[in-house]
C-alpha atoms as a PDB file:
ATOM      1  CA  MET A   1      12.638  11.829 -17.366  1.00  0.00           C
ATOM      2  CA  ARG A   2      13.995  11.555 -20.865  1.00  0.00           C
ATOM      3  CA  SER A   3      17.480  12.923 -21.434  1.00  0.00           C
ATOM      4  CA  HIS A   4      17.995  15.118 -24.470  1.00  0.00           C
ATOM      5  CA  GLY A   5      21.588  16.270 -23.899  1.00  0.00           C
ATOM      6  CA  PRO A   6      22.356  19.997 -24.063  1.00  0.00           C
ATOM      7  CA  LEU A   7      19.248  22.018 -24.760  1.00  0.00           C
ATOM      8  CA  ILE A   8      21.028  24.185 -27.330  1.00  0.00           C
ATOM      9  CA  ASP A   9      24.522  23.428 -28.597  1.00  0.00           C
ATOM     10  CA  SER A  10      26.117  26.860 -28.746  1.00  0.00           C
ATOM     11  CA  PRO A  11      27.526  28.003 -25.356  1.00  0.00           C
ATOM     12  CA  ASP A  12      27.328  31.620 -26.514  1.00  0.00           C
ATOM     13  CA  PHE A  13      23.578  31.520 -27.164  1.00  0.00           C
ATOM     14  CA  SER A  14      21.722  33.213 -24.318  1.00  0.00           C
ATOM     15  CA  PRO A  15      18.956  33.244 -23.288  1.00  0.00           C
ATOM     16  CA  ARG A  16      17.769  29.778 -24.288  1.00  0.00           C
ATOM     17  CA  ALA A  17      14.276  28.471 -24.873  1.00  0.00           C
ATOM     18  CA  VAL A  18      12.653  25.021 -24.725  1.00  0.00           C
ATOM     19  CA  ARG A  19       9.243  23.522 -25.321  1.00  0.00           C
ATOM     20  CA  ILE A  20       8.469  20.958 -22.613  1.00  0.00           C
ATOM     21  CA  ARG A  21       5.856  18.219 -22.694  1.00  0.00           C
ATOM     22  CA  VAL A  22       4.672  16.657 -19.410  1.00  0.00           C
ATOM     23  CA  ARG A  23       2.501  13.526 -19.573  1.00  0.00           C
ATOM     24  CA  GLY A  24       0.710  11.558 -16.861  1.00  0.00           C
ATOM     25  CA  GLN A  25      -1.937  12.574 -14.351  1.00  0.00           C
ATOM     26  CA  VAL A  26      -1.063  16.250 -14.473  1.00  0.00           C
ATOM     27  CA  GLN A  27      -4.461  17.935 -14.851  1.00  0.00           C
ATOM     28  CA  GLY A  28      -6.568  18.792 -11.844  1.00  0.00           C
ATOM     29  CA  VAL A  29      -3.663  18.541  -9.414  1.00  0.00           C
ATOM     30  CA  GLY A  30      -2.396  22.136  -9.355  1.00  0.00           C
ATOM     31  CA  PHE A  31       0.323  21.389 -11.889  1.00  0.00           C
ATOM     32  CA  ARG A  32       0.053  24.640 -13.847  1.00  0.00           C
ATOM     33  CA  PRO A  33       0.246  26.786 -10.671  1.00  0.00           C
ATOM     34  CA  PHE A  34       3.186  24.621  -9.570  1.00  0.00           C
ATOM     35  CA  VAL A  35       4.971  25.305 -12.883  1.00  0.00           C
ATOM     36  CA  TYR A  36       4.136  29.017 -12.618  1.00  0.00           C
ATOM     37  CA  ARG A  37       5.670  29.336  -9.143  1.00  0.00           C
ATOM     38  CA  LEU A  38       8.663  27.226 -10.133  1.00  0.00           C
ATOM     39  CA  ALA A  39       9.319  29.403 -13.192  1.00  0.00           C
ATOM     40  CA  LEU A  40       9.169  32.571 -11.093  1.00  0.00           C
ATOM     41  CA  GLU A  41      11.555  31.050  -8.552  1.00  0.00           C
ATOM     42  CA  LEU A  42      14.017  30.126 -11.294  1.00  0.00           C
ATOM     43  CA  GLY A  43      13.715  33.457 -13.107  1.00  0.00           C
ATOM     44  CA  LEU A  44      12.259  31.956 -16.285  1.00  0.00           C
ATOM     45  CA  SER A  45       9.819  33.564 -18.681  1.00  0.00           C
ATOM     46  CA  GLY A  46       7.268  31.788 -20.849  1.00  0.00           C
ATOM     47  CA  SER A  47       3.922  30.050 -20.405  1.00  0.00           C
ATOM     48  CA  VAL A  48       2.129  26.853 -19.392  1.00  0.00           C
ATOM     49  CA  LEU A  49      -1.175  25.373 -20.554  1.00  0.00           C
ATOM     50  CA  ASN A  50      -3.282  22.214 -20.466  1.00  0.00           C
ATOM     51  CA  ASP A  51      -4.032  20.376 -23.684  1.00  0.00           C
ATOM     52  CA  ALA A  52      -5.211  16.953 -24.778  1.00  0.00           C
ATOM     53  CA  ASP A  53      -1.755  15.436 -24.236  1.00  0.00           C
ATOM     54  CA  GLY A  54      -1.172  16.764 -20.733  1.00  0.00           C
ATOM     55  CA  VAL A  55       0.757  19.960 -19.974  1.00  0.00           C
ATOM     56  CA  GLU A  56       2.823  22.037 -22.407  1.00  0.00           C
ATOM     57  CA  ILE A  57       5.431  24.509 -21.165  1.00  0.00           C
ATOM     58  CA  GLU A  58       7.337  27.181 -23.073  1.00  0.00           C
ATOM     59  CA  ALA A  59      10.296  28.240 -20.926  1.00  0.00           C
ATOM     60  CA  GLN A  60      13.079  30.725 -21.601  1.00  0.00           C
ATOM     61  CA  GLY A  61      16.104  31.711 -19.555  1.00  0.00           C
ATOM     62  CA  ASP A  62      19.648  30.615 -18.769  1.00  0.00           C
ATOM     63  CA  GLU A  63      20.607  26.973 -19.252  1.00  0.00           C
ATOM     64  CA  ALA A  64      21.115  26.193 -15.544  1.00  0.00           C
ATOM     65  CA  ALA A  65      17.614  27.406 -14.721  1.00  0.00           C
ATOM     66  CA  LEU A  66      16.111  25.404 -17.586  1.00  0.00           C
ATOM     67  CA  GLU A  67      17.917  22.253 -16.481  1.00  0.00           C
ATOM     68  CA  ALA A  68      16.675  22.833 -12.909  1.00  0.00           C
ATOM     69  CA  LEU A  69      13.133  23.226 -14.223  1.00  0.00           C
ATOM     70  CA  LEU A  70      13.301  19.913 -16.104  1.00  0.00           C
ATOM     71  CA  LEU A  71      14.617  18.132 -13.023  1.00  0.00           C
ATOM     72  CA  ARG A  72      12.102  19.590 -10.568  1.00  0.00           C
ATOM     73  CA  LEU A  73       9.024  19.068 -12.758  1.00  0.00           C
ATOM     74  CA  LYS A  74       9.167  15.436 -11.740  1.00  0.00           C
ATOM     75  CA  LYS A  75      11.059  15.578  -8.441  1.00  0.00           C
ATOM     76  CA  ASP A  76       8.908  18.303  -6.824  1.00  0.00           C
ATOM     77  CA  ALA A  77       5.562  17.640  -8.550  1.00  0.00           C
ATOM     78  CA  PRO A  78       2.351  18.184  -6.517  1.00  0.00           C
ATOM     79  CA  ASP A  79       1.346  15.282  -4.263  1.00  0.00           C
ATOM     80  CA  LEU A  80      -1.682  14.328  -6.364  1.00  0.00           C
ATOM     81  CA  ALA A  81       0.254  14.357  -9.643  1.00  0.00           C
ATOM     82  CA  ARG A  82       1.719  11.326 -11.394  1.00  0.00           C
ATOM     83  CA  VAL A  83       4.383  12.375 -13.890  1.00  0.00           C
ATOM     84  CA  ASP A  84       5.016   9.629 -16.440  1.00  0.00           C
ATOM     85  CA  GLU A  85       7.193  11.560 -18.876  1.00  0.00           C
ATOM     86  CA  VAL A  86       9.004  14.888 -19.203  1.00  0.00           C
ATOM     87  CA  SER A  87      10.530  15.688 -22.592  1.00  0.00           C
ATOM     88  CA  ALA A  88      12.035  18.866 -24.027  1.00  0.00           C
ATOM     89  CA  VAL A  89      13.037  20.208 -27.428  1.00  0.00           C
ATOM     90  CA  PRO A  90      14.732  23.502 -28.331  1.00  0.00           C
ATOM     91  CA  ALA A  91      12.403  26.376 -29.180  1.00  0.00           C
ATOM     92  CA  ALA A  92      12.764  29.838 -30.661  1.00  0.00           C
ATOM     93  CA  VAL A  93      13.888  32.622 -28.340  1.00  0.00           C
ATOM     94  CA  LEU A  94      11.184  35.283 -28.296  1.00  0.00           C
ATOM     95  CA  PRO A  95      10.768  38.671 -26.612  1.00  0.00           C
ATOM     96  CA  ARG A  96       8.995  37.461 -23.466  1.00  0.00           C
ATOM     97  CA  HIS A  97       8.089  39.242 -20.232  1.00  0.00           C
ATOM     98  CA  GLY A  98       7.156  37.176 -17.195  1.00  0.00           C
ATOM     99  CA  PHE A  99       5.444  33.793 -17.031  1.00  0.00           C
ATOM    100  CA  ALA A 100       1.750  33.142 -17.767  1.00  0.00           C
ATOM    101  CA  ILE A 101      -0.893  30.441 -17.491  1.00  0.00           C
ATOM    102  CA  LEU A 102      -2.622  30.337 -20.878  1.00  0.00           C
ATOM    103  CA  GLU A 103      -6.056  29.151 -21.961  1.00  0.00           C
ATOM    104  CA  SER A 104      -6.252  25.406 -22.508  1.00  0.00           C
ATOM    105  CA  ARG A 105      -6.223  23.797 -25.937  1.00  0.00           C
ATOM    106  CA  SER A 106      -8.756  21.081 -26.711  1.00  0.00           C
ATOM    107  CA  GLY A 107      -8.340  17.986 -28.865  1.00  0.00           C
ATOM    108  CA  HIS A 108      -8.520  14.206 -28.734  1.00  0.00           C
ATOM    109  CA  ALA A 109      -7.482  13.369 -25.181  1.00  0.00           C
ATOM    110  CA  HIS A 110      -4.306  11.351 -24.554  1.00  0.00           C
ATOM    111  CA  THR A 111      -3.982  12.278 -20.874  1.00  0.00           C
ATOM    112  CA  GLY A 112      -5.739  11.268 -17.679  1.00  0.00           C
ATOM    113  CA  ILE A 113      -7.500  12.987 -14.807  1.00  0.00           C
ATOM    114  CA  THR A 114      -6.593  12.246 -11.208  1.00  0.00           C
ATOM    115  CA  PRO A 115      -9.099  10.523  -8.893  1.00  0.00           C
ATOM    116  CA  ASP A 116     -11.025  12.519  -6.303  1.00  0.00           C
ATOM    117  CA  ALA A 117      -8.951  13.233  -3.196  1.00  0.00           C
ATOM    118  CA  ALA A 118      -9.909  13.463   0.471  1.00  0.00           C
ATOM    119  CA  THR A 119      -9.975  16.863   2.154  1.00  0.00           C
ATOM    120  CA  CYS A 120      -6.432  18.045   2.869  1.00  0.00           C
ATOM    121  CA  PRO A 121      -5.378  19.239   6.369  1.00  0.00           C
ATOM    122  CA  ALA A 122      -5.386  22.914   5.298  1.00  0.00           C
ATOM    123  CA  CYS A 123      -8.968  22.748   3.971  1.00  0.00           C
ATOM    124  CA  LEU A 124     -10.075  20.758   7.009  1.00  0.00           C
ATOM    125  CA  ALA A 125      -8.663  23.539   9.189  1.00  0.00           C
ATOM    126  CA  ASP A 126     -10.719  26.070   7.189  1.00  0.00           C
ATOM    127  CA  VAL A 127     -13.896  24.036   7.721  1.00  0.00           C
ATOM    128  CA  LEU A 128     -13.312  23.752  11.481  1.00  0.00           C
ATOM    129  CA  ASP A 129     -12.360  27.405  12.064  1.00  0.00           C
ATOM    130  CA  PRO A 130     -15.388  29.514  13.188  1.00  0.00           C
ATOM    131  CA  ALA A 131     -13.573  32.661  11.997  1.00  0.00           C
ATOM    132  CA  ASN A 132     -13.036  31.283   8.469  1.00  0.00           C
ATOM    133  CA  ARG A 133     -15.526  32.136   5.739  1.00  0.00           C
ATOM    134  CA  ARG A 134     -15.678  28.433   4.844  1.00  0.00           C
ATOM    135  CA  TYR A 135     -16.568  27.347   8.380  1.00  0.00           C
ATOM    136  CA  ARG A 136     -18.579  24.104   8.078  1.00  0.00           C
ATOM    137  CA  TYR A 137     -18.840  24.499   4.300  1.00  0.00           C
ATOM    138  CA  PRO A 138     -18.915  20.864   3.121  1.00  0.00           C
ATOM    139  CA  PHE A 139     -17.585  21.422  -0.419  1.00  0.00           C
ATOM    140  CA  THR A 140     -14.320  23.102   0.609  1.00  0.00           C
ATOM    141  CA  ASN A 141     -11.324  22.153  -1.568  1.00  0.00           C
ATOM    142  CA  CYS A 142      -8.076  23.428  -3.077  1.00  0.00           C
ATOM    143  CA  THR A 143      -5.473  22.285  -5.626  1.00  0.00           C
ATOM    144  CA  HIS A 144      -4.327  19.618  -3.132  1.00  0.00           C
ATOM    145  CA  CYS A 145      -7.689  17.923  -2.580  1.00  0.00           C
ATOM    146  CA  GLY A 146     -11.322  17.611  -3.599  1.00  0.00           C
ATOM    147  CA  PRO A 147     -13.259  16.233  -6.559  1.00  0.00           C
ATOM    148  CA  ARG A 148     -11.603  15.744  -9.934  1.00  0.00           C
ATOM    149  CA  TYR A 149     -12.609  12.681 -11.953  1.00  0.00           C
ATOM    150  CA  THR A 150     -16.287  12.601 -11.022  1.00  0.00           C
ATOM    151  CA  ILE A 151     -16.950  16.254 -11.877  1.00  0.00           C
ATOM    152  CA  THR A 152     -15.091  16.228 -15.212  1.00  0.00           C
ATOM    153  CA  ARG A 153     -17.145  16.035 -18.406  1.00  0.00           C
ATOM    154  CA  HIS A 154     -14.203  16.157 -20.811  1.00  0.00           C
ATOM    155  CA  LEU A 155     -10.592  17.289 -21.016  1.00  0.00           C
ATOM    156  CA  PRO A 156      -8.721  19.546 -20.740  1.00  0.00           C
ATOM    157  CA  TYR A 157      -9.522  19.942 -17.059  1.00  0.00           C
ATOM    158  CA  ASP A 158     -10.937  23.467 -16.789  1.00  0.00           C
ATOM    159  CA  ARG A 159     -13.952  24.707 -14.861  1.00  0.00           C
ATOM    160  CA  PRO A 160     -16.193  25.095 -17.973  1.00  0.00           C
ATOM    161  CA  ASN A 161     -15.596  21.376 -18.658  1.00  0.00           C
ATOM    162  CA  THR A 162     -16.792  20.297 -15.194  1.00  0.00           C
ATOM    163  CA  SER A 163     -20.071  20.189 -13.295  1.00  0.00           C
ATOM    164  CA  MET A 164     -18.896  23.376 -11.512  1.00  0.00           C
ATOM    165  CA  ALA A 165     -19.448  25.405 -14.706  1.00  0.00           C
ATOM    166  CA  ARG A 166     -22.868  26.631 -13.541  1.00  0.00           C
ATOM    167  CA  PHE A 167     -21.456  28.073 -10.296  1.00  0.00           C
ATOM    168  CA  ALA A 168     -19.979  31.519 -10.965  1.00  0.00           C
ATOM    169  CA  LEU A 169     -17.151  32.402  -8.580  1.00  0.00           C
ATOM    170  CA  CYS A 170     -17.939  35.120  -6.046  1.00  0.00           C
ATOM    171  CA  PRO A 171     -15.395  37.989  -5.748  1.00  0.00           C
ATOM    172  CA  ALA A 172     -13.593  36.365  -2.786  1.00  0.00           C
ATOM    173  CA  CYS A 173     -13.260  32.985  -4.523  1.00  0.00           C
ATOM    174  CA  ARG A 174     -12.253  34.710  -7.764  1.00  0.00           C
ATOM    175  CA  ARG A 175      -9.406  36.508  -5.960  1.00  0.00           C
ATOM    176  CA  GLU A 176      -8.120  33.156  -4.663  1.00  0.00           C
ATOM    177  CA  TYR A 177      -8.477  31.576  -8.100  1.00  0.00           C
ATOM    178  CA  ASP A 178      -6.485  34.379  -9.744  1.00  0.00           C
ATOM    179  CA  ASP A 179      -3.737  34.683  -7.103  1.00  0.00           C
ATOM    180  CA  PRO A 180      -0.619  32.641  -8.021  1.00  0.00           C
ATOM    181  CA  LEU A 181       0.451  32.575  -4.365  1.00  0.00           C
ATOM    182  CA  ASP A 182      -2.856  31.132  -3.123  1.00  0.00           C
ATOM    183  CA  ARG A 183      -3.281  27.370  -2.818  1.00  0.00           C
ATOM    184  CA  ARG A 184      -6.627  27.745  -4.619  1.00  0.00           C
ATOM    185  CA  PHE A 185      -4.965  29.324  -7.656  1.00  0.00           C
ATOM    186  CA  HIS A 186      -6.735  27.720 -10.637  1.00  0.00           C
ATOM    187  CA  ALA A 187      -8.482  25.198  -8.353  1.00  0.00           C
ATOM    188  CA  GLN A 188     -11.363  24.382 -10.694  1.00  0.00           C
ATOM    189  CA  PRO A 189     -13.875  23.225  -7.995  1.00  0.00           C
ATOM    190  CA  ASN A 190     -13.154  26.303  -5.846  1.00  0.00           C
ATOM    191  CA  ALA A 191     -16.332  27.518  -4.105  1.00  0.00           C
ATOM    192  CA  CYS A 192     -17.797  28.758  -0.845  1.00  0.00           C
ATOM    193  CA  LYS A 193     -21.250  29.058   0.718  1.00  0.00           C
ATOM    194  CA  ALA A 194     -21.813  32.334  -1.161  1.00  0.00           C
ATOM    195  CA  CYS A 195     -21.270  30.953  -4.675  1.00  0.00           C
ATOM    196  CA  GLY A 196     -20.965  27.170  -4.660  1.00  0.00           C
ATOM    197  CA  PRO A 197     -23.148  24.105  -4.233  1.00  0.00           C
ATOM    198  CA  ARG A 198     -25.239  23.912  -1.071  1.00  0.00           C
ATOM    199  CA  LEU A 199     -26.575  21.106   1.066  1.00  0.00           C
ATOM    200  CA  ASN A 200     -30.278  20.295   1.041  1.00  0.00           C
ATOM    201  CA  LEU A 201     -32.189  17.678   3.008  1.00  0.00           C
ATOM    202  CA  LEU A 202     -35.226  16.222   1.251  1.00  0.00           C
ATOM    203  CA  GLU A 203     -38.046  13.868   2.175  1.00  0.00           C
ATOM    204  CA  LYS A 204     -38.344  10.671   0.126  1.00  0.00           C
ATOM    205  CA  ASP A 205     -40.938  12.410  -2.076  1.00  0.00           C
ATOM    206  CA  GLY A 206     -38.405  15.141  -2.883  1.00  0.00           C
ATOM    207  CA  GLN A 207     -39.941  17.851  -0.696  1.00  0.00           C
ATOM    208  CA  PRO A 208     -37.350  19.961   1.152  1.00  0.00           C
ATOM    209  CA  ILE A 209     -37.046  19.611   4.910  1.00  0.00           C
ATOM    210  CA  ARG A 210     -36.897  23.011   6.527  1.00  0.00           C
ATOM    211  CA  GLY A 211     -34.124  23.859   8.933  1.00  0.00           C
ATOM    212  CA  ASP A 212     -30.974  25.924   9.285  1.00  0.00           C
ATOM    213  CA  ASP A 213     -28.559  22.981   9.563  1.00  0.00           C
ATOM    214  CA  PRO A 214     -29.066  19.995   7.217  1.00  0.00           C
ATOM    215  CA  ILE A 215     -26.126  18.124   8.783  1.00  0.00           C
ATOM    216  CA  ALA A 216     -27.522  18.433  12.327  1.00  0.00           C
ATOM    217  CA  GLU A 217     -30.943  17.279  11.126  1.00  0.00           C
ATOM    218  CA  THR A 218     -29.355  14.361   9.243  1.00  0.00           C
ATOM    219  CA  THR A 219     -27.443  13.310  12.370  1.00  0.00           C
ATOM    220  CA  SER A 220     -30.622  13.487  14.432  1.00  0.00           C
ATOM    221  CA  ARG A 221     -32.512  11.290  11.961  1.00  0.00           C
ATOM    222  CA  LEU A 222     -29.704   8.720  11.821  1.00  0.00           C
ATOM    223  CA  ARG A 223     -29.713   8.523  15.611  1.00  0.00           C
ATOM    224  CA  ALA A 224     -33.490   8.019  15.482  1.00  0.00           C
ATOM    225  CA  GLY A 225     -32.988   4.914  13.326  1.00  0.00           C
ATOM    226  CA  GLN A 226     -33.868   6.341   9.921  1.00  0.00           C
ATOM    227  CA  ILE A 227     -32.155   5.381   6.650  1.00  0.00           C
ATOM    228  CA  LEU A 228     -30.857   8.232   4.506  1.00  0.00           C
ATOM    229  CA  ALA A 229     -29.497   8.424   0.970  1.00  0.00           C
ATOM    230  CA  ILE A 230     -26.545  10.809   0.832  1.00  0.00           C
ATOM    231  CA  LYS A 231     -25.609  12.067  -2.635  1.00  0.00           C
ATOM    232  CA  GLY A 232     -21.869  12.065  -3.144  1.00  0.00           C
ATOM    233  CA  ILE A 233     -19.870  13.278  -6.138  1.00  0.00           C
ATOM    234  CA  GLY A 234     -19.879   9.753  -7.570  1.00  0.00           C
ATOM    235  CA  GLY A 235     -23.277   8.346  -6.551  1.00  0.00           C
ATOM    236  CA  PHE A 236     -25.401   7.743  -3.469  1.00  0.00           C
ATOM    237  CA  HIS A 237     -24.531   6.284  -0.062  1.00  0.00           C
ATOM    238  CA  LEU A 238     -27.357   4.586   1.845  1.00  0.00           C
ATOM    239  CA  MET A 239     -26.697   5.217   5.518  1.00  0.00           C
ATOM    240  CA  CYS A 240     -27.980   4.198   8.918  1.00  0.00           C
ATOM    241  CA  ASP A 241     -26.572   3.970  12.441  1.00  0.00           C
ATOM    242  CA  ALA A 242     -24.384   0.845  12.452  1.00  0.00           C
ATOM    243  CA  ARG A 243     -25.050   0.408  16.186  1.00  0.00           C
ATOM    244  CA  ASN A 244     -28.818   0.265  15.639  1.00  0.00           C
ATOM    245  CA  ALA A 245     -29.587  -3.407  14.897  1.00  0.00           C
ATOM    246  CA  GLU A 246     -33.166  -2.698  13.807  1.00  0.00           C
ATOM    247  CA  ALA A 247     -32.073   0.004  11.339  1.00  0.00           C
ATOM    248  CA  VAL A 248     -29.335  -2.245   9.921  1.00  0.00           C
ATOM    249  CA  ALA A 249     -31.873  -5.091   9.503  1.00  0.00           C
ATOM    250  CA  ARG A 250     -34.246  -2.792   7.589  1.00  0.00           C
ATOM    251  CA  LEU A 251     -31.422  -1.651   5.313  1.00  0.00           C
ATOM    252  CA  ARG A 252     -30.427  -5.276   4.654  1.00  0.00           C
ATOM    253  CA  GLN A 253     -34.022  -6.123   3.789  1.00  0.00           C
ATOM    254  CA  ARG A 254     -34.402  -3.189   1.421  1.00  0.00           C
ATOM    255  CA  LYS A 255     -31.043  -3.840  -0.249  1.00  0.00           C
ATOM    256  CA  GLN A 256     -31.702  -7.611  -0.334  1.00  0.00           C
ATOM    257  CA  ARG A 257     -28.278  -8.004   1.213  1.00  0.00           C
ATOM    258  CA  GLU A 258     -28.663 -10.563   3.969  1.00  0.00           C
ATOM    259  CA  GLU A 259     -25.027 -11.526   4.595  1.00  0.00           C
ATOM    260  CA  LYS A 260     -22.594  -9.383   2.604  1.00  0.00           C
ATOM    261  CA  PRO A 261     -20.908  -6.888   4.945  1.00  0.00           C
ATOM    262  CA  PHE A 262     -21.757  -3.195   4.835  1.00  0.00           C
ATOM    263  CA  ALA A 263     -19.027  -0.558   4.905  1.00  0.00           C
ATOM    264  CA  VAL A 264     -18.670   1.107   8.306  1.00  0.00           C
ATOM    265  CA  MET A 265     -17.734   4.789   8.444  1.00  0.00           C
ATOM    266  CA  LEU A 266     -15.705   6.173  11.356  1.00  0.00           C
ATOM    267  CA  ALA A 267     -14.457   9.675  12.090  1.00  0.00           C
ATOM    268  CA  GLY A 268     -10.761   8.779  12.111  1.00  0.00           C
ATOM    269  CA  ILE A 269      -8.092   6.388  13.371  1.00  0.00           C
ATOM    270  CA  ALA A 270      -8.901   7.142  17.022  1.00  0.00           C
ATOM    271  CA  SER A 271     -12.492   6.046  16.406  1.00  0.00           C
ATOM    272  CA  VAL A 272     -11.373   2.644  15.075  1.00  0.00           C
ATOM    273  CA  ALA A 273      -9.850   1.414  18.363  1.00  0.00           C
ATOM    274  CA  PRO A 274     -13.089   0.316  20.146  1.00  0.00           C
ATOM    275  CA  TRP A 275     -14.166  -1.748  17.131  1.00  0.00           C
ATOM    276  CA  ALA A 276     -11.094  -3.212  15.432  1.00  0.00           C
ATOM    277  CA  VAL A 277      -7.383  -3.894  15.802  1.00  0.00           C
ATOM    278  CA  CYS A 278      -5.485  -1.415  13.643  1.00  0.00           C
ATOM    279  CA  GLY A 279      -1.754  -1.906  13.110  1.00  0.00           C
ATOM    280  CA  GLU A 280       0.662   0.534  11.526  1.00  0.00           C
ATOM    281  CA  SER A 281       0.246  -0.821   7.974  1.00  0.00           C
ATOM    282  CA  GLU A 282      -3.536  -0.669   8.305  1.00  0.00           C
ATOM    283  CA  ARG A 283      -3.334   2.871   9.655  1.00  0.00           C
ATOM    284  CA  GLN A 284      -1.255   3.964   6.653  1.00  0.00           C
ATOM    285  CA  LEU A 285      -3.746   2.416   4.229  1.00  0.00           C
ATOM    286  CA  LEU A 286      -6.739   4.006   5.950  1.00  0.00           C
ATOM    287  CA  GLU A 287      -5.094   7.425   5.961  1.00  0.00           C
END
């Protein structure tokens, strides 16, 4: 973090105001909601927005709170964020009430977007809970996980600039998106089975395969030795049962990949043990 000395020289000038610039991978990681909650905690007024350079913050309050804000922007940043620079300059004190997340400003991009992130424990718990409205919904995400880079068309990172633009939020998802205390506050890929993308299973000619559970049908076909193409957010995965030698041989023939190893997918660390030795460093990398 760059040091700028006292934010405003006169000790009698209160409240004080600063304009803060945060650069790095700070879009698509819940950074604006993080700033919002931090400002409320510190009793600051002002605003935060995304723009082509990263995140811009206007903050106003007492000097101790402003200094704490500058320190914690980097120290307590969201897990998926990478803060490269925090800088601040004095700004005009204005009649402000509360703290707000403002509409993004566009321009020539000088910031980055974080890579896609694996499902976080909280979202995984939602997916596995029969009482949760996202039970078994495969596109569950929040500000701590989910797609980012591969759904973004251009910056700043806002829903209209992503492939989620065509999916209008249902009332329940909209309430989460608008609630500063919810972990899905301004989560751009936020969705559920009522309003978001859905799974479909298709024959190789593109005709839909009827059934209530595409995942169960997919599992059944893999066990029967079939090869399936699974569309991910960044491309397609060709899949077969790795324990089925005949299916693996057919996939090798079709891919013209006689010797190069295929990736093997397992459910988790416990599933690795029968097939490979996994030490602590390997476990950390895999997780």
